[in-house]
Amino acid sequence: MLMLLCCGVAVVYLLFDPSRVGWFPRCPFRMLTGWLCPGCGSQRAFHQLLHGDVSAAFCYNAALVAGIPVVSLLLLVEWQRIRWPRLHARLYSPGAIWSLFVIIVAWWIGRNVV
């Protein structure tokens, strides 16, 4: 059921461009503050990725594009945690989680400063 829902969402983003259609959700943080959140541009980036335009997706949200291999690795290691227990322990350690948090906050600040 979840896979079907994900495929349905992907089809919607494939067929409709969030930058041209007004019914996609807007970022509440940006609406309230005028600043970009770490996820701002993700819908447009996802649309561009589905159309194979990685460079345009990177311009909309570099963190989303850079995060795809990271999330893929985390999912693979979670799925194979019995096979790779030491790698799982390292990637899910407090130090790794805090490092990811710092990277996201730096991205959040950096994209609003520049």
PDB file of N, CA and C in Angstrom:
ATOM      1  N   MET A   1       0.818  -1.195   0.000  1.00  0.00           N
ATOM      2  CA  MET A   1       0.000   0.000   0.000  1.00  0.00           C
ATOM      3  C   MET A   1       0.863   1.262   0.000  1.00  0.00           C
ATOM      4  N   LEU A   2       1.919   1.269   0.832  1.00  0.00           N
ATOM      5  CA  LEU A   2       2.815   2.419   0.891  1.00  0.00           C
ATOM      6  C   LEU A   2       3.540   2.615  -0.447  1.00  0.00           C
ATOM      7  N   MET A   3       3.939   1.524  -1.056  1.00  0.00           N
ATOM      8  CA  MET A   3       4.619   1.599  -2.349  1.00  0.00           C
ATOM      9  C   MET A   3       3.688   2.181  -3.413  1.00  0.00           C
ATOM     10  N   LEU A   4       2.439   1.800  -3.371  1.00  0.00           N
ATOM     11  CA  LEU A   4       1.456   2.324  -4.317  1.00  0.00           C
ATOM     12  C   LEU A   4       1.265   3.827  -4.115  1.00  0.00           C
ATOM     13  N   LEU A   5       1.197   4.261  -2.867  1.00  0.00           N
ATOM     14  CA  LEU A   5       1.062   5.675  -2.563  1.00  0.00           C
ATOM     15  C   LEU A   5       2.287   6.452  -3.058  1.00  0.00           C
ATOM     16  N   CYS A   6       3.471   5.926  -2.817  1.00  0.00           N
ATOM     17  CA  CYS A   6       4.701   6.581  -3.279  1.00  0.00           C
ATOM     18  C   CYS A   6       4.735   6.692  -4.801  1.00  0.00           C
ATOM     19  N   CYS A   7       4.320   5.648  -5.481  1.00  0.00           N
ATOM     20  CA  CYS A   7       4.274   5.686  -6.947  1.00  0.00           C
ATOM     21  C   CYS A   7       3.263   6.720  -7.431  1.00  0.00           C
ATOM     22  N   GLY A   8       2.139   6.812  -6.763  1.00  0.00           N
ATOM     23  CA  GLY A   8       1.126   7.802  -7.120  1.00  0.00           C
ATOM     24  C   GLY A   8       1.646   9.224  -6.952  1.00  0.00           C
ATOM     25  N   VAL A   9       2.335   9.469  -5.862  1.00  0.00           N
ATOM     26  CA  VAL A   9       2.918  10.793  -5.625  1.00  0.00           C
ATOM     27  C   VAL A   9       3.968  11.099  -6.693  1.00  0.00           C
ATOM     28  N   ALA A  10       4.783  10.116  -7.025  1.00  0.00           N
ATOM     29  CA  ALA A  10       5.809  10.314  -8.056  1.00  0.00           C
ATOM     30  C   ALA A  10       5.168  10.652  -9.403  1.00  0.00           C
ATOM     31  N   VAL A  11       4.072  10.000  -9.737  1.00  0.00           N
ATOM     32  CA  VAL A  11       3.381  10.286 -10.999  1.00  0.00           C
ATOM     33  C   VAL A  11       2.852  11.713 -11.003  1.00  0.00           C
ATOM     34  N   VAL A  12       2.309  12.164  -9.876  1.00  0.00           N
ATOM     35  CA  VAL A  12       1.813  13.542  -9.792  1.00  0.00           C
ATOM     36  C   VAL A  12       2.958  14.521 -10.012  1.00  0.00           C
ATOM     37  N   TYR A  13       4.098  14.288  -9.360  1.00  0.00           N
ATOM     38  CA  TYR A  13       5.247  15.181  -9.530  1.00  0.00           C
ATOM     39  C   TYR A  13       5.868  15.059 -10.918  1.00  0.00           C
ATOM     40  N   LEU A  14       5.714  13.933 -11.559  1.00  0.00           N
ATOM     41  CA  LEU A  14       6.200  13.779 -12.924  1.00  0.00           C
ATOM     42  C   LEU A  14       5.340  14.587 -13.895  1.00  0.00           C
ATOM     43  N   LEU A  15       4.038  14.563 -13.694  1.00  0.00           N
ATOM     44  CA  LEU A  15       3.114  15.194 -14.630  1.00  0.00           C
ATOM     45  C   LEU A  15       2.929  16.691 -14.396  1.00  0.00           C
ATOM     46  N   PHE A  16       3.069  17.150 -13.167  1.00  0.00           N
ATOM     47  CA  PHE A  16       2.796  18.547 -12.843  1.00  0.00           C
ATOM     48  C   PHE A  16       4.036  19.216 -12.263  1.00  0.00           C
ATOM     49  N   ASP A  17       4.345  20.396 -12.764  1.00  0.00           N
ATOM     50  CA  ASP A  17       5.496  21.169 -12.304  1.00  0.00           C
ATOM     51  C   ASP A  17       5.067  22.050 -11.130  1.00  0.00           C
ATOM     52  N   PRO A  18       5.625  21.833  -9.936  1.00  0.00           N
ATOM     53  CA  PRO A  18       5.232  22.625  -8.762  1.00  0.00           C
ATOM     54  C   PRO A  18       5.489  24.125  -8.916  1.00  0.00           C
ATOM     55  N   SER A  19       6.403  24.515  -9.802  1.00  0.00           N
ATOM     56  CA  SER A  19       6.663  25.939  -9.992  1.00  0.00           C
ATOM     57  C   SER A  19       5.620  26.598 -10.887  1.00  0.00           C
ATOM     58  N   ARG A  20       4.815  25.783 -11.563  1.00  0.00           N
ATOM     59  CA  ARG A  20       3.795  26.336 -12.464  1.00  0.00           C
ATOM     60  C   ARG A  20       2.367  26.071 -12.007  1.00  0.00           C
ATOM     61  N   VAL A  21       2.186  25.124 -11.106  1.00  0.00           N
ATOM     62  CA  VAL A  21       0.850  24.767 -10.636  1.00  0.00           C
ATOM     63  C   VAL A  21       0.701  25.281  -9.210  1.00  0.00           C
ATOM     64  N   GLY A  22      -0.376  25.979  -8.931  1.00  0.00           N
ATOM     65  CA  GLY A  22      -0.529  26.635  -7.636  1.00  0.00           C
ATOM     66  C   GLY A  22      -1.076  25.783  -6.510  1.00  0.00           C
ATOM     67  N   TRP A  23      -1.474  24.537  -6.768  1.00  0.00           N
ATOM     68  CA  TRP A  23      -2.101  23.754  -5.712  1.00  0.00           C
ATOM     69  C   TRP A  23      -1.138  22.882  -4.909  1.00  0.00           C
ATOM     70  N   PHE A  24       0.154  22.949  -5.205  1.00  0.00           N
ATOM     71  CA  PHE A  24       1.126  22.236  -4.373  1.00  0.00           C
ATOM     72  C   PHE A  24       1.306  22.998  -3.061  1.00  0.00           C
ATOM     73  N   PRO A  25       1.573  22.301  -1.962  1.00  0.00           N
ATOM     74  CA  PRO A  25       1.715  22.996  -0.677  1.00  0.00           C
ATOM     75  C   PRO A  25       2.921  23.929  -0.661  1.00  0.00           C
ATOM     76  N   ARG A  26       2.781  25.035   0.019  1.00  0.00           N
ATOM     77  CA  ARG A  26       3.859  26.015   0.188  1.00  0.00           C
ATOM     78  C   ARG A  26       4.524  25.791   1.544  1.00  0.00           C
ATOM     79  N   CYS A  27       5.746  26.241   1.652  1.00  0.00           N
ATOM     80  CA  CYS A  27       6.502  26.091   2.894  1.00  0.00           C
ATOM     81  C   CYS A  27       5.970  27.060   3.945  1.00  0.00           C
ATOM     82  N   PRO A  28       5.459  26.550   5.070  1.00  0.00           N
ATOM     83  CA  PRO A  28       4.949  27.443   6.102  1.00  0.00           C
ATOM     84  C   PRO A  28       6.052  28.302   6.732  1.00  0.00           C
ATOM     85  N   PHE A  29       7.259  27.751   6.870  1.00  0.00           N
ATOM     86  CA  PHE A  29       8.370  28.519   7.443  1.00  0.00           C
ATOM     87  C   PHE A  29       8.689  29.715   6.562  1.00  0.00           C
ATOM     88  N   ARG A  30       8.738  29.503   5.260  1.00  0.00           N
ATOM     89  CA  ARG A  30       9.041  30.602   4.334  1.00  0.00           C
ATOM     90  C   ARG A  30       7.904  31.620   4.306  1.00  0.00           C
ATOM     91  N   MET A  31       6.672  31.142   4.377  1.00  0.00           N
ATOM     92  CA  MET A  31       5.534  32.056   4.373  1.00  0.00           C
ATOM     93  C   MET A  31       5.548  32.948   5.627  1.00  0.00           C
ATOM     94  N   LEU A  32       5.976  32.397   6.760  1.00  0.00           N
ATOM     95  CA  LEU A  32       5.991  33.160   8.019  1.00  0.00           C
ATOM     96  C   LEU A  32       7.203  34.079   8.157  1.00  0.00           C
ATOM     97  N   THR A  33       8.372  33.609   7.692  1.00  0.00           N
ATOM     98  CA  THR A  33       9.604  34.350   7.941  1.00  0.00           C
ATOM     99  C   THR A  33      10.210  34.988   6.695  1.00  0.00           C
ATOM    100  N   GLY A  34       9.907  34.440   5.532  1.00  0.00           N
ATOM    101  CA  GLY A  34      10.548  34.900   4.304  1.00  0.00           C
ATOM    102  C   GLY A  34      11.889  34.230   4.059  1.00  0.00           C
ATOM    103  N   TRP A  35      12.320  33.377   4.977  1.00  0.00           N
ATOM    104  CA  TRP A  35      13.585  32.665   4.846  1.00  0.00           C
ATOM    105  C   TRP A  35      13.347  31.274   4.301  1.00  0.00           C
ATOM    106  N   LEU A  36      14.377  30.706   3.670  1.00  0.00           N
ATOM    107  CA  LEU A  36      14.303  29.348   3.147  1.00  0.00           C
ATOM    108  C   LEU A  36      14.584  28.340   4.257  1.00  0.00           C
ATOM    109  N   CYS A  37      13.814  27.284   4.298  1.00  0.00           N
ATOM    110  CA  CYS A  37      14.098  26.178   5.224  1.00  0.00           C
ATOM    111  C   CYS A  37      14.988  25.169   4.487  1.00  0.00           C
ATOM    112  N   PRO A  38      15.508  24.159   5.162  1.00  0.00           N
ATOM    113  CA  PRO A  38      16.357  23.187   4.475  1.00  0.00           C
ATOM    114  C   PRO A  38      15.636  22.442   3.348  1.00  0.00           C
ATOM    115  N   GLY A  39      14.315  22.365   3.420  1.00  0.00           N
ATOM    116  CA  GLY A  39      13.569  21.621   2.410  1.00  0.00           C
ATOM    117  C   GLY A  39      13.001  22.466   1.292  1.00  0.00           C
ATOM    118  N   CYS A  40      13.124  23.792   1.396  1.00  0.00           N
ATOM    119  CA  CYS A  40      12.562  24.655   0.354  1.00  0.00           C
ATOM    120  C   CYS A  40      13.168  24.314  -1.007  1.00  0.00           C
ATOM    121  N   GLY A  41      12.320  24.177  -1.984  1.00  0.00           N
ATOM    122  CA  GLY A  41      12.745  23.818  -3.336  1.00  0.00           C
ATOM    123  C   GLY A  41      12.729  22.324  -3.593  1.00  0.00           C
ATOM    124  N   SER A  42      12.407  21.526  -2.582  1.00  0.00           N
ATOM    125  CA  SER A  42      12.439  20.069  -2.741  1.00  0.00           C
ATOM    126  C   SER A  42      11.404  19.560  -3.740  1.00  0.00           C
ATOM    127  N   GLN A  43      10.230  20.182  -3.746  1.00  0.00           N
ATOM    128  CA  GLN A  43       9.202  19.729  -4.686  1.00  0.00           C
ATOM    129  C   GLN A  43       9.646  19.979  -6.127  1.00  0.00           C
ATOM    130  N   ARG A  44      10.182  21.161  -6.371  1.00  0.00           N
ATOM    131  CA  ARG A  44      10.663  21.480  -7.717  1.00  0.00           C
ATOM    132  C   ARG A  44      11.867  20.616  -8.080  1.00  0.00           C
ATOM    133  N   ALA A  45      12.750  20.371  -7.096  1.00  0.00           N
ATOM    134  CA  ALA A  45      13.913  19.518  -7.341  1.00  0.00           C
ATOM    135  C   ALA A  45      13.477  18.094  -7.660  1.00  0.00           C
ATOM    136  N   PHE A  46      12.502  17.584  -6.928  1.00  0.00           N
ATOM    137  CA  PHE A  46      11.996  16.229  -7.174  1.00  0.00           C
ATOM    138  C   PHE A  46      11.398  16.134  -8.578  1.00  0.00           C
ATOM    139  N   HIS A  47      10.651  17.157  -8.984  1.00  0.00           N
ATOM    140  CA  HIS A  47      10.077  17.197 -10.332  1.00  0.00           C
ATOM    141  C   HIS A  47      11.195  17.143 -11.380  1.00  0.00           C
ATOM    142  N   GLN A  48      12.250  17.929 -11.169  1.00  0.00           N
ATOM    143  CA  GLN A  48      13.358  17.943 -12.128  1.00  0.00           C
ATOM    144  C   GLN A  48      14.105  16.609 -12.148  1.00  0.00           C
ATOM    145  N   LEU A  49      14.270  15.993 -10.984  1.00  0.00           N
ATOM    146  CA  LEU A  49      14.929  14.674 -10.943  1.00  0.00           C
ATOM    147  C   LEU A  49      14.126  13.632 -11.718  1.00  0.00           C
ATOM    148  N   LEU A  50      12.812  13.684 -11.587  1.00  0.00           N
ATOM    149  CA  LEU A  50      11.976  12.740 -12.331  1.00  0.00           C
ATOM    150  C   LEU A  50      12.081  12.952 -13.833  1.00  0.00           C
ATOM    151  N   HIS A  51      12.450  14.152 -14.243  1.00  0.00           N
ATOM    152  CA  HIS A  51      12.644  14.450 -15.661  1.00  0.00           C
ATOM    153  C   HIS A  51      14.100  14.311 -16.084  1.00  0.00           C
ATOM    154  N   GLY A  52      14.955  13.874 -15.157  1.00  0.00           N
ATOM    155  CA  GLY A  52      16.351  13.601 -15.477  1.00  0.00           C
ATOM    156  C   GLY A  52      17.263  14.813 -15.488  1.00  0.00           C
ATOM    157  N   ASP A  53      16.808  15.946 -15.017  1.00  0.00           N
ATOM    158  CA  ASP A  53      17.618  17.160 -15.014  1.00  0.00           C
ATOM    159  C   ASP A  53      18.228  17.362 -13.622  1.00  0.00           C
ATOM    160  N   VAL A  54      19.358  16.712 -13.391  1.00  0.00           N
ATOM    161  CA  VAL A  54      20.010  16.734 -12.081  1.00  0.00           C
ATOM    162  C   VAL A  54      20.544  18.132 -11.762  1.00  0.00           C
ATOM    163  N   SER A  55      21.079  18.830 -12.753  1.00  0.00           N
ATOM    164  CA  SER A  55      21.634  20.160 -12.478  1.00  0.00           C
ATOM    165  C   SER A  55      20.548  21.147 -12.056  1.00  0.00           C
ATOM    166  N   ALA A  56      19.380  21.112 -12.692  1.00  0.00           N
ATOM    167  CA  ALA A  56      18.272  21.985 -12.276  1.00  0.00           C
ATOM    168  C   ALA A  56      17.799  21.594 -10.880  1.00  0.00           C
ATOM    169  N   ALA A  57      17.730  20.309 -10.607  1.00  0.00           N
ATOM    170  CA  ALA A  57      17.330  19.844  -9.279  1.00  0.00           C
ATOM    171  C   ALA A  57      18.316  20.334  -8.232  1.00  0.00           C
ATOM    172  N   PHE A  58      19.594  20.286  -8.551  1.00  0.00           N
ATOM    173  CA  PHE A  58      20.634  20.748  -7.629  1.00  0.00           C
ATOM    174  C   PHE A  58      20.485  22.241  -7.354  1.00  0.00           C
ATOM    175  N   CYS A  59      20.104  23.010  -8.354  1.00  0.00           N
ATOM    176  CA  CYS A  59      19.889  24.460  -8.161  1.00  0.00           C
ATOM    177  C   CYS A  59      18.696  24.722  -7.246  1.00  0.00           C
ATOM    178  N   TYR A  60      17.659  23.920  -7.342  1.00  0.00           N
ATOM    179  CA  TYR A  60      16.484  24.116  -6.494  1.00  0.00           C
ATOM    180  C   TYR A  60      16.756  23.716  -5.047  1.00  0.00           C
ATOM    181  N   ASN A  61      17.398  22.557  -4.838  1.00  0.00           N
ATOM    182  CA  ASN A  61      17.720  22.128  -3.477  1.00  0.00           C
ATOM    183  C   ASN A  61      18.882  21.130  -3.539  1.00  0.00           C
ATOM    184  N   ALA A  62      20.076  21.654  -3.315  1.00  0.00           N
ATOM    185  CA  ALA A  62      21.281  20.826  -3.380  1.00  0.00           C
ATOM    186  C   ALA A  62      21.288  19.746  -2.303  1.00  0.00           C
ATOM    187  N   ALA A  63      20.720  20.054  -1.141  1.00  0.00           N
ATOM    188  CA  ALA A  63      20.711  19.079  -0.047  1.00  0.00           C
ATOM    189  C   ALA A  63      19.877  17.857  -0.406  1.00  0.00           C
ATOM    190  N   LEU A  64      18.777  18.069  -1.107  1.00  0.00           N
ATOM    191  CA  LEU A  64      17.948  16.927  -1.519  1.00  0.00           C
ATOM    192  C   LEU A  64      18.729  16.017  -2.457  1.00  0.00           C
ATOM    193  N   VAL A  65      19.370  16.609  -3.449  1.00  0.00           N
ATOM    194  CA  VAL A  65      20.121  15.815  -4.432  1.00  0.00           C
ATOM    195  C   VAL A  65      21.295  15.108  -3.763  1.00  0.00           C
ATOM    196  N   ALA A  66      22.017  15.832  -2.908  1.00  0.00           N
ATOM    197  CA  ALA A  66      23.161  15.225  -2.211  1.00  0.00           C
ATOM    198  C   ALA A  66      22.708  14.193  -1.188  1.00  0.00           C
ATOM    199  N   GLY A  67      21.512  14.346  -0.677  1.00  0.00           N
ATOM    200  CA  GLY A  67      21.007  13.430   0.341  1.00  0.00           C
ATOM    201  C   GLY A  67      20.499  12.104  -0.189  1.00  0.00           C
ATOM    202  N   ILE A  68      20.217  12.021  -1.468  1.00  0.00           N
ATOM    203  CA  ILE A  68      19.680  10.773  -2.029  1.00  0.00           C
ATOM    204  C   ILE A  68      20.649   9.606  -1.844  1.00  0.00           C
ATOM    205  N   PRO A  69      21.942   9.742  -2.173  1.00  0.00           N
ATOM    206  CA  PRO A  69      22.856   8.614  -1.914  1.00  0.00           C
ATOM    207  C   PRO A  69      23.001   8.299  -0.429  1.00  0.00           C
ATOM    208  N   VAL A  70      22.968   9.323   0.410  1.00  0.00           N
ATOM    209  CA  VAL A  70      23.097   9.113   1.861  1.00  0.00           C
ATOM    210  C   VAL A  70      21.905   8.324   2.387  1.00  0.00           C
ATOM    211  N   VAL A  71      20.711   8.745   2.017  1.00  0.00           N
ATOM    212  CA  VAL A  71      19.504   8.045   2.466  1.00  0.00           C
ATOM    213  C   VAL A  71      19.474   6.630   1.901  1.00  0.00           C
ATOM    214  N   SER A  72      19.899   6.470   0.656  1.00  0.00           N
ATOM    215  CA  SER A  72      19.946   5.130   0.051  1.00  0.00           C
ATOM    216  C   SER A  72      20.890   4.222   0.825  1.00  0.00           C
ATOM    217  N   LEU A  73      22.053   4.750   1.199  1.00  0.00           N
ATOM    218  CA  LEU A  73      23.007   3.969   1.988  1.00  0.00           C
ATOM    219  C   LEU A  73      22.423   3.606   3.344  1.00  0.00           C
ATOM    220  N   LEU A  74      21.785   4.571   4.010  1.00  0.00           N
ATOM    221  CA  LEU A  74      21.188   4.298   5.319  1.00  0.00           C
ATOM    222  C   LEU A  74      20.102   3.236   5.233  1.00  0.00           C
ATOM    223  N   LEU A  75      19.283   3.300   4.200  1.00  0.00           N
ATOM    224  CA  LEU A  75      18.233   2.287   4.027  1.00  0.00           C
ATOM    225  C   LEU A  75      18.824   0.913   3.747  1.00  0.00           C
ATOM    226  N   LEU A  76      19.858   0.859   2.908  1.00  0.00           N
ATOM    227  CA  LEU A  76      20.511  -0.415   2.604  1.00  0.00           C
ATOM    228  C   LEU A  76      21.138  -1.020   3.855  1.00  0.00           C
ATOM    229  N   VAL A  77      21.823  -0.193   4.629  1.00  0.00           N
ATOM    230  CA  VAL A  77      22.471  -0.696   5.844  1.00  0.00           C
ATOM    231  C   VAL A  77      21.434  -1.120   6.878  1.00  0.00           C
ATOM    232  N   GLU A  78      20.332  -0.381   6.966  1.00  0.00           N
ATOM    233  CA  GLU A  78      19.259  -0.780   7.890  1.00  0.00           C
ATOM    234  C   GLU A  78      18.670  -2.126   7.471  1.00  0.00           C
ATOM    235  N   TRP A  79      18.488  -2.295   6.172  1.00  0.00           N
ATOM    236  CA  TRP A  79      17.924  -3.539   5.645  1.00  0.00           C
ATOM    237  C   TRP A  79      18.879  -4.718   5.874  1.00  0.00           C
ATOM    238  N   GLN A  80      20.181  -4.450   5.835  1.00  0.00           N
ATOM    239  CA  GLN A  80      21.193  -5.499   5.974  1.00  0.00           C
ATOM    240  C   GLN A  80      21.940  -5.400   7.316  1.00  0.00           C
ATOM    241  N   ARG A  81      21.269  -4.912   8.348  1.00  0.00           N
ATOM    242  CA  ARG A  81      21.981  -4.671   9.605  1.00  0.00           C
ATOM    243  C   ARG A  81      22.491  -5.938  10.264  1.00  0.00           C
ATOM    244  N   ILE A  82      21.872  -7.065  10.011  1.00  0.00           N
ATOM    245  CA  ILE A  82      22.374  -8.331  10.565  1.00  0.00           C
ATOM    246  C   ILE A  82      23.656  -8.730   9.849  1.00  0.00           C
ATOM    247  N   ARG A  83      23.726  -8.448   8.568  1.00  0.00           N
ATOM    248  CA  ARG A  83      24.905  -8.781   7.768  1.00  0.00           C
ATOM    249  C   ARG A  83      26.068  -7.835   8.064  1.00  0.00           C
ATOM    250  N   TRP A  84      25.762  -6.535   8.289  1.00  0.00           N
ATOM    251  CA  TRP A  84      26.786  -5.510   8.517  1.00  0.00           C
ATOM    252  C   TRP A  84      26.553  -4.794   9.849  1.00  0.00           C
ATOM    253  N   PRO A  85      26.681  -5.485  10.961  1.00  0.00           N
ATOM    254  CA  PRO A  85      26.354  -4.851  12.248  1.00  0.00           C
ATOM    255  C   PRO A  85      27.288  -3.696  12.628  1.00  0.00           C
ATOM    256  N   ARG A  86      28.575  -3.797  12.306  1.00  0.00           N
ATOM    257  CA  ARG A  86      29.503  -2.722  12.674  1.00  0.00           C
ATOM    258  C   ARG A  86      29.237  -1.457  11.849  1.00  0.00           C
ATOM    259  N   LEU A  87      28.959  -1.632  10.558  1.00  0.00           N
ATOM    260  CA  LEU A  87      28.639  -0.481   9.715  1.00  0.00           C
ATOM    261  C   LEU A  87      27.333   0.169  10.174  1.00  0.00           C
ATOM    262  N   HIS A  88      26.368  -0.669  10.526  1.00  0.00           N
ATOM    263  CA  HIS A  88      25.090  -0.153  11.027  1.00  0.00           C
ATOM    264  C   HIS A  88      25.308   0.650  12.305  1.00  0.00           C
ATOM    265  N   ALA A  89      26.104   0.121  13.207  1.00  0.00           N
ATOM    266  CA  ALA A  89      26.364   0.813  14.470  1.00  0.00           C
ATOM    267  C   ALA A  89      27.068   2.145  14.236  1.00  0.00           C
ATOM    268  N   ARG A  90      27.972   2.194  13.280  1.00  0.00           N
ATOM    269  CA  ARG A  90      28.675   3.445  12.977  1.00  0.00           C
ATOM    270  C   ARG A  90      27.761   4.483  12.354  1.00  0.00           C
ATOM    271  N   LEU A  91      26.970   4.069  11.365  1.00  0.00           N
ATOM    272  CA  LEU A  91      26.115   5.025  10.649  1.00  0.00           C
ATOM    273  C   LEU A  91      24.955   5.525  11.493  1.00  0.00           C
ATOM    274  N   TYR A  92      24.541   4.732  12.465  1.00  0.00           N
ATOM    275  CA  TYR A  92      23.437   5.122  13.336  1.00  0.00           C
ATOM    276  C   TYR A  92      23.913   5.539  14.723  1.00  0.00           C
ATOM    277  N   SER A  93      25.202   5.837  14.848  1.00  0.00           N
ATOM    278  CA  SER A  93      25.754   6.259  16.137  1.00  0.00           C
ATOM    279  C   SER A  93      25.361   7.709  16.421  1.00  0.00           C
ATOM    280  N   PRO A  94      25.392   8.092  17.687  1.00  0.00           N
ATOM    281  CA  PRO A  94      25.082   9.495  18.020  1.00  0.00           C
ATOM    282  C   PRO A  94      25.986  10.490  17.289  1.00  0.00           C
ATOM    283  N   GLY A  95      27.249  10.152  17.124  1.00  0.00           N
ATOM    284  CA  GLY A  95      28.168  11.053  16.417  1.00  0.00           C
ATOM    285  C   GLY A  95      27.763  11.264  14.966  1.00  0.00           C
ATOM    286  N   ALA A  96      27.354  10.195  14.295  1.00  0.00           N
ATOM    287  CA  ALA A  96      26.920  10.316  12.902  1.00  0.00           C
ATOM    288  C   ALA A  96      25.623  11.110  12.803  1.00  0.00           C
ATOM    289  N   ILE A  97      24.718  10.870  13.721  1.00  0.00           N
ATOM    290  CA  ILE A  97      23.439  11.589  13.703  1.00  0.00           C
ATOM    291  C   ILE A  97      23.664  13.069  13.987  1.00  0.00           C
ATOM    292  N   TRP A  98      24.504  13.398  14.948  1.00  0.00           N
ATOM    293  CA  TRP A  98      24.802  14.800  15.245  1.00  0.00           C
ATOM    294  C   TRP A  98      25.527  15.469  14.076  1.00  0.00           C
ATOM    295  N   SER A  99      26.395  14.739  13.414  1.00  0.00           N
ATOM    296  CA  SER A  99      27.089  15.291  12.243  1.00  0.00           C
ATOM    297  C   SER A  99      26.094  15.642  11.143  1.00  0.00           C
ATOM    298  N   LEU A 100      25.154  14.766  10.905  1.00  0.00           N
ATOM    299  CA  LEU A 100      24.116  15.029   9.914  1.00  0.00           C
ATOM    300  C   LEU A 100      23.278  16.238  10.318  1.00  0.00           C
ATOM    301  N   PHE A 101      22.961  16.341  11.586  1.00  0.00           N
ATOM    302  CA  PHE A 101      22.210  17.486  12.094  1.00  0.00           C
ATOM    303  C   PHE A 101      22.974  18.790  11.847  1.00  0.00           C
ATOM    304  N   VAL A 102      24.266  18.798  12.134  1.00  0.00           N
ATOM    305  CA  VAL A 102      25.094  19.993  11.935  1.00  0.00           C
ATOM    306  C   VAL A 102      25.150  20.365  10.452  1.00  0.00           C
ATOM    307  N   ILE A 103      25.266  19.381   9.589  1.00  0.00           N
ATOM    308  CA  ILE A 103      25.297  19.634   8.145  1.00  0.00           C
ATOM    309  C   ILE A 103      23.983  20.276   7.691  1.00  0.00           C
ATOM    310  N   ILE A 104      22.870  19.759   8.177  1.00  0.00           N
ATOM    311  CA  ILE A 104      21.560  20.308   7.786  1.00  0.00           C
ATOM    312  C   ILE A 104      21.397  21.740   8.300  1.00  0.00           C
ATOM    313  N   VAL A 105      21.789  21.997   9.532  1.00  0.00           N
ATOM    314  CA  VAL A 105      21.684  23.358  10.078  1.00  0.00           C
ATOM    315  C   VAL A 105      22.616  24.303   9.316  1.00  0.00           C
ATOM    316  N   ALA A 106      23.809  23.858   8.971  1.00  0.00           N
ATOM    317  CA  ALA A 106      24.745  24.685   8.194  1.00  0.00           C
ATOM    318  C   ALA A 106      24.146  24.989   6.815  1.00  0.00           C
ATOM    319  N   TRP A 107      23.516  24.014   6.204  1.00  0.00           N
ATOM    320  CA  TRP A 107      22.850  24.217   4.915  1.00  0.00           C
ATOM    321  C   TRP A 107      21.732  25.240   5.073  1.00  0.00           C
ATOM    322  N   TRP A 108      20.964  25.120   6.129  1.00  0.00           N
ATOM    323  CA  TRP A 108      19.843  26.020   6.394  1.00  0.00           C
ATOM    324  C   TRP A 108      20.337  27.463   6.536  1.00  0.00           C
ATOM    325  N   ILE A 109      21.396  27.651   7.323  1.00  0.00           N
ATOM    326  CA  ILE A 109      21.941  28.988   7.537  1.00  0.00           C
ATOM    327  C   ILE A 109      22.610  29.497   6.260  1.00  0.00           C
ATOM    328  N   GLY A 110      23.407  28.641   5.653  1.00  0.00           N
ATOM    329  CA  GLY A 110      24.159  29.039   4.464  1.00  0.00           C
ATOM    330  C   GLY A 110      23.301  29.484   3.301  1.00  0.00           C
ATOM    331  N   ARG A 111      22.194  28.813   3.086  1.00  0.00           N
ATOM    332  CA  ARG A 111      21.366  29.186   1.937  1.00  0.00           C
ATOM    333  C   ARG A 111      20.601  30.473   2.185  1.00  0.00           C
ATOM    334  N   ASN A 112      20.506  30.919   3.428  1.00  0.00           N
ATOM    335  CA  ASN A 112      19.848  32.186   3.728  1.00  0.00           C
ATOM    336  C   ASN A 112      20.838  33.349   3.808  1.00  0.00           C
ATOM    337  N   VAL A 113      22.110  33.054   4.003  1.00  0.00           N
ATOM    338  CA  VAL A 113      23.123  34.093   4.098  1.00  0.00           C
ATOM    339  C   VAL A 113      23.569  34.529   2.703  1.00  0.00           C
ATOM    340  N   VAL A 114      23.705  33.587   1.815  1.00  0.00           N
ATOM    341  CA  VAL A 114      24.206  33.870   0.466  1.00  0.00           C
ATOM    342  C   VAL A 114      23.156  34.495  -0.396  1.00  0.00           C
TER     343      VAL A 114
END
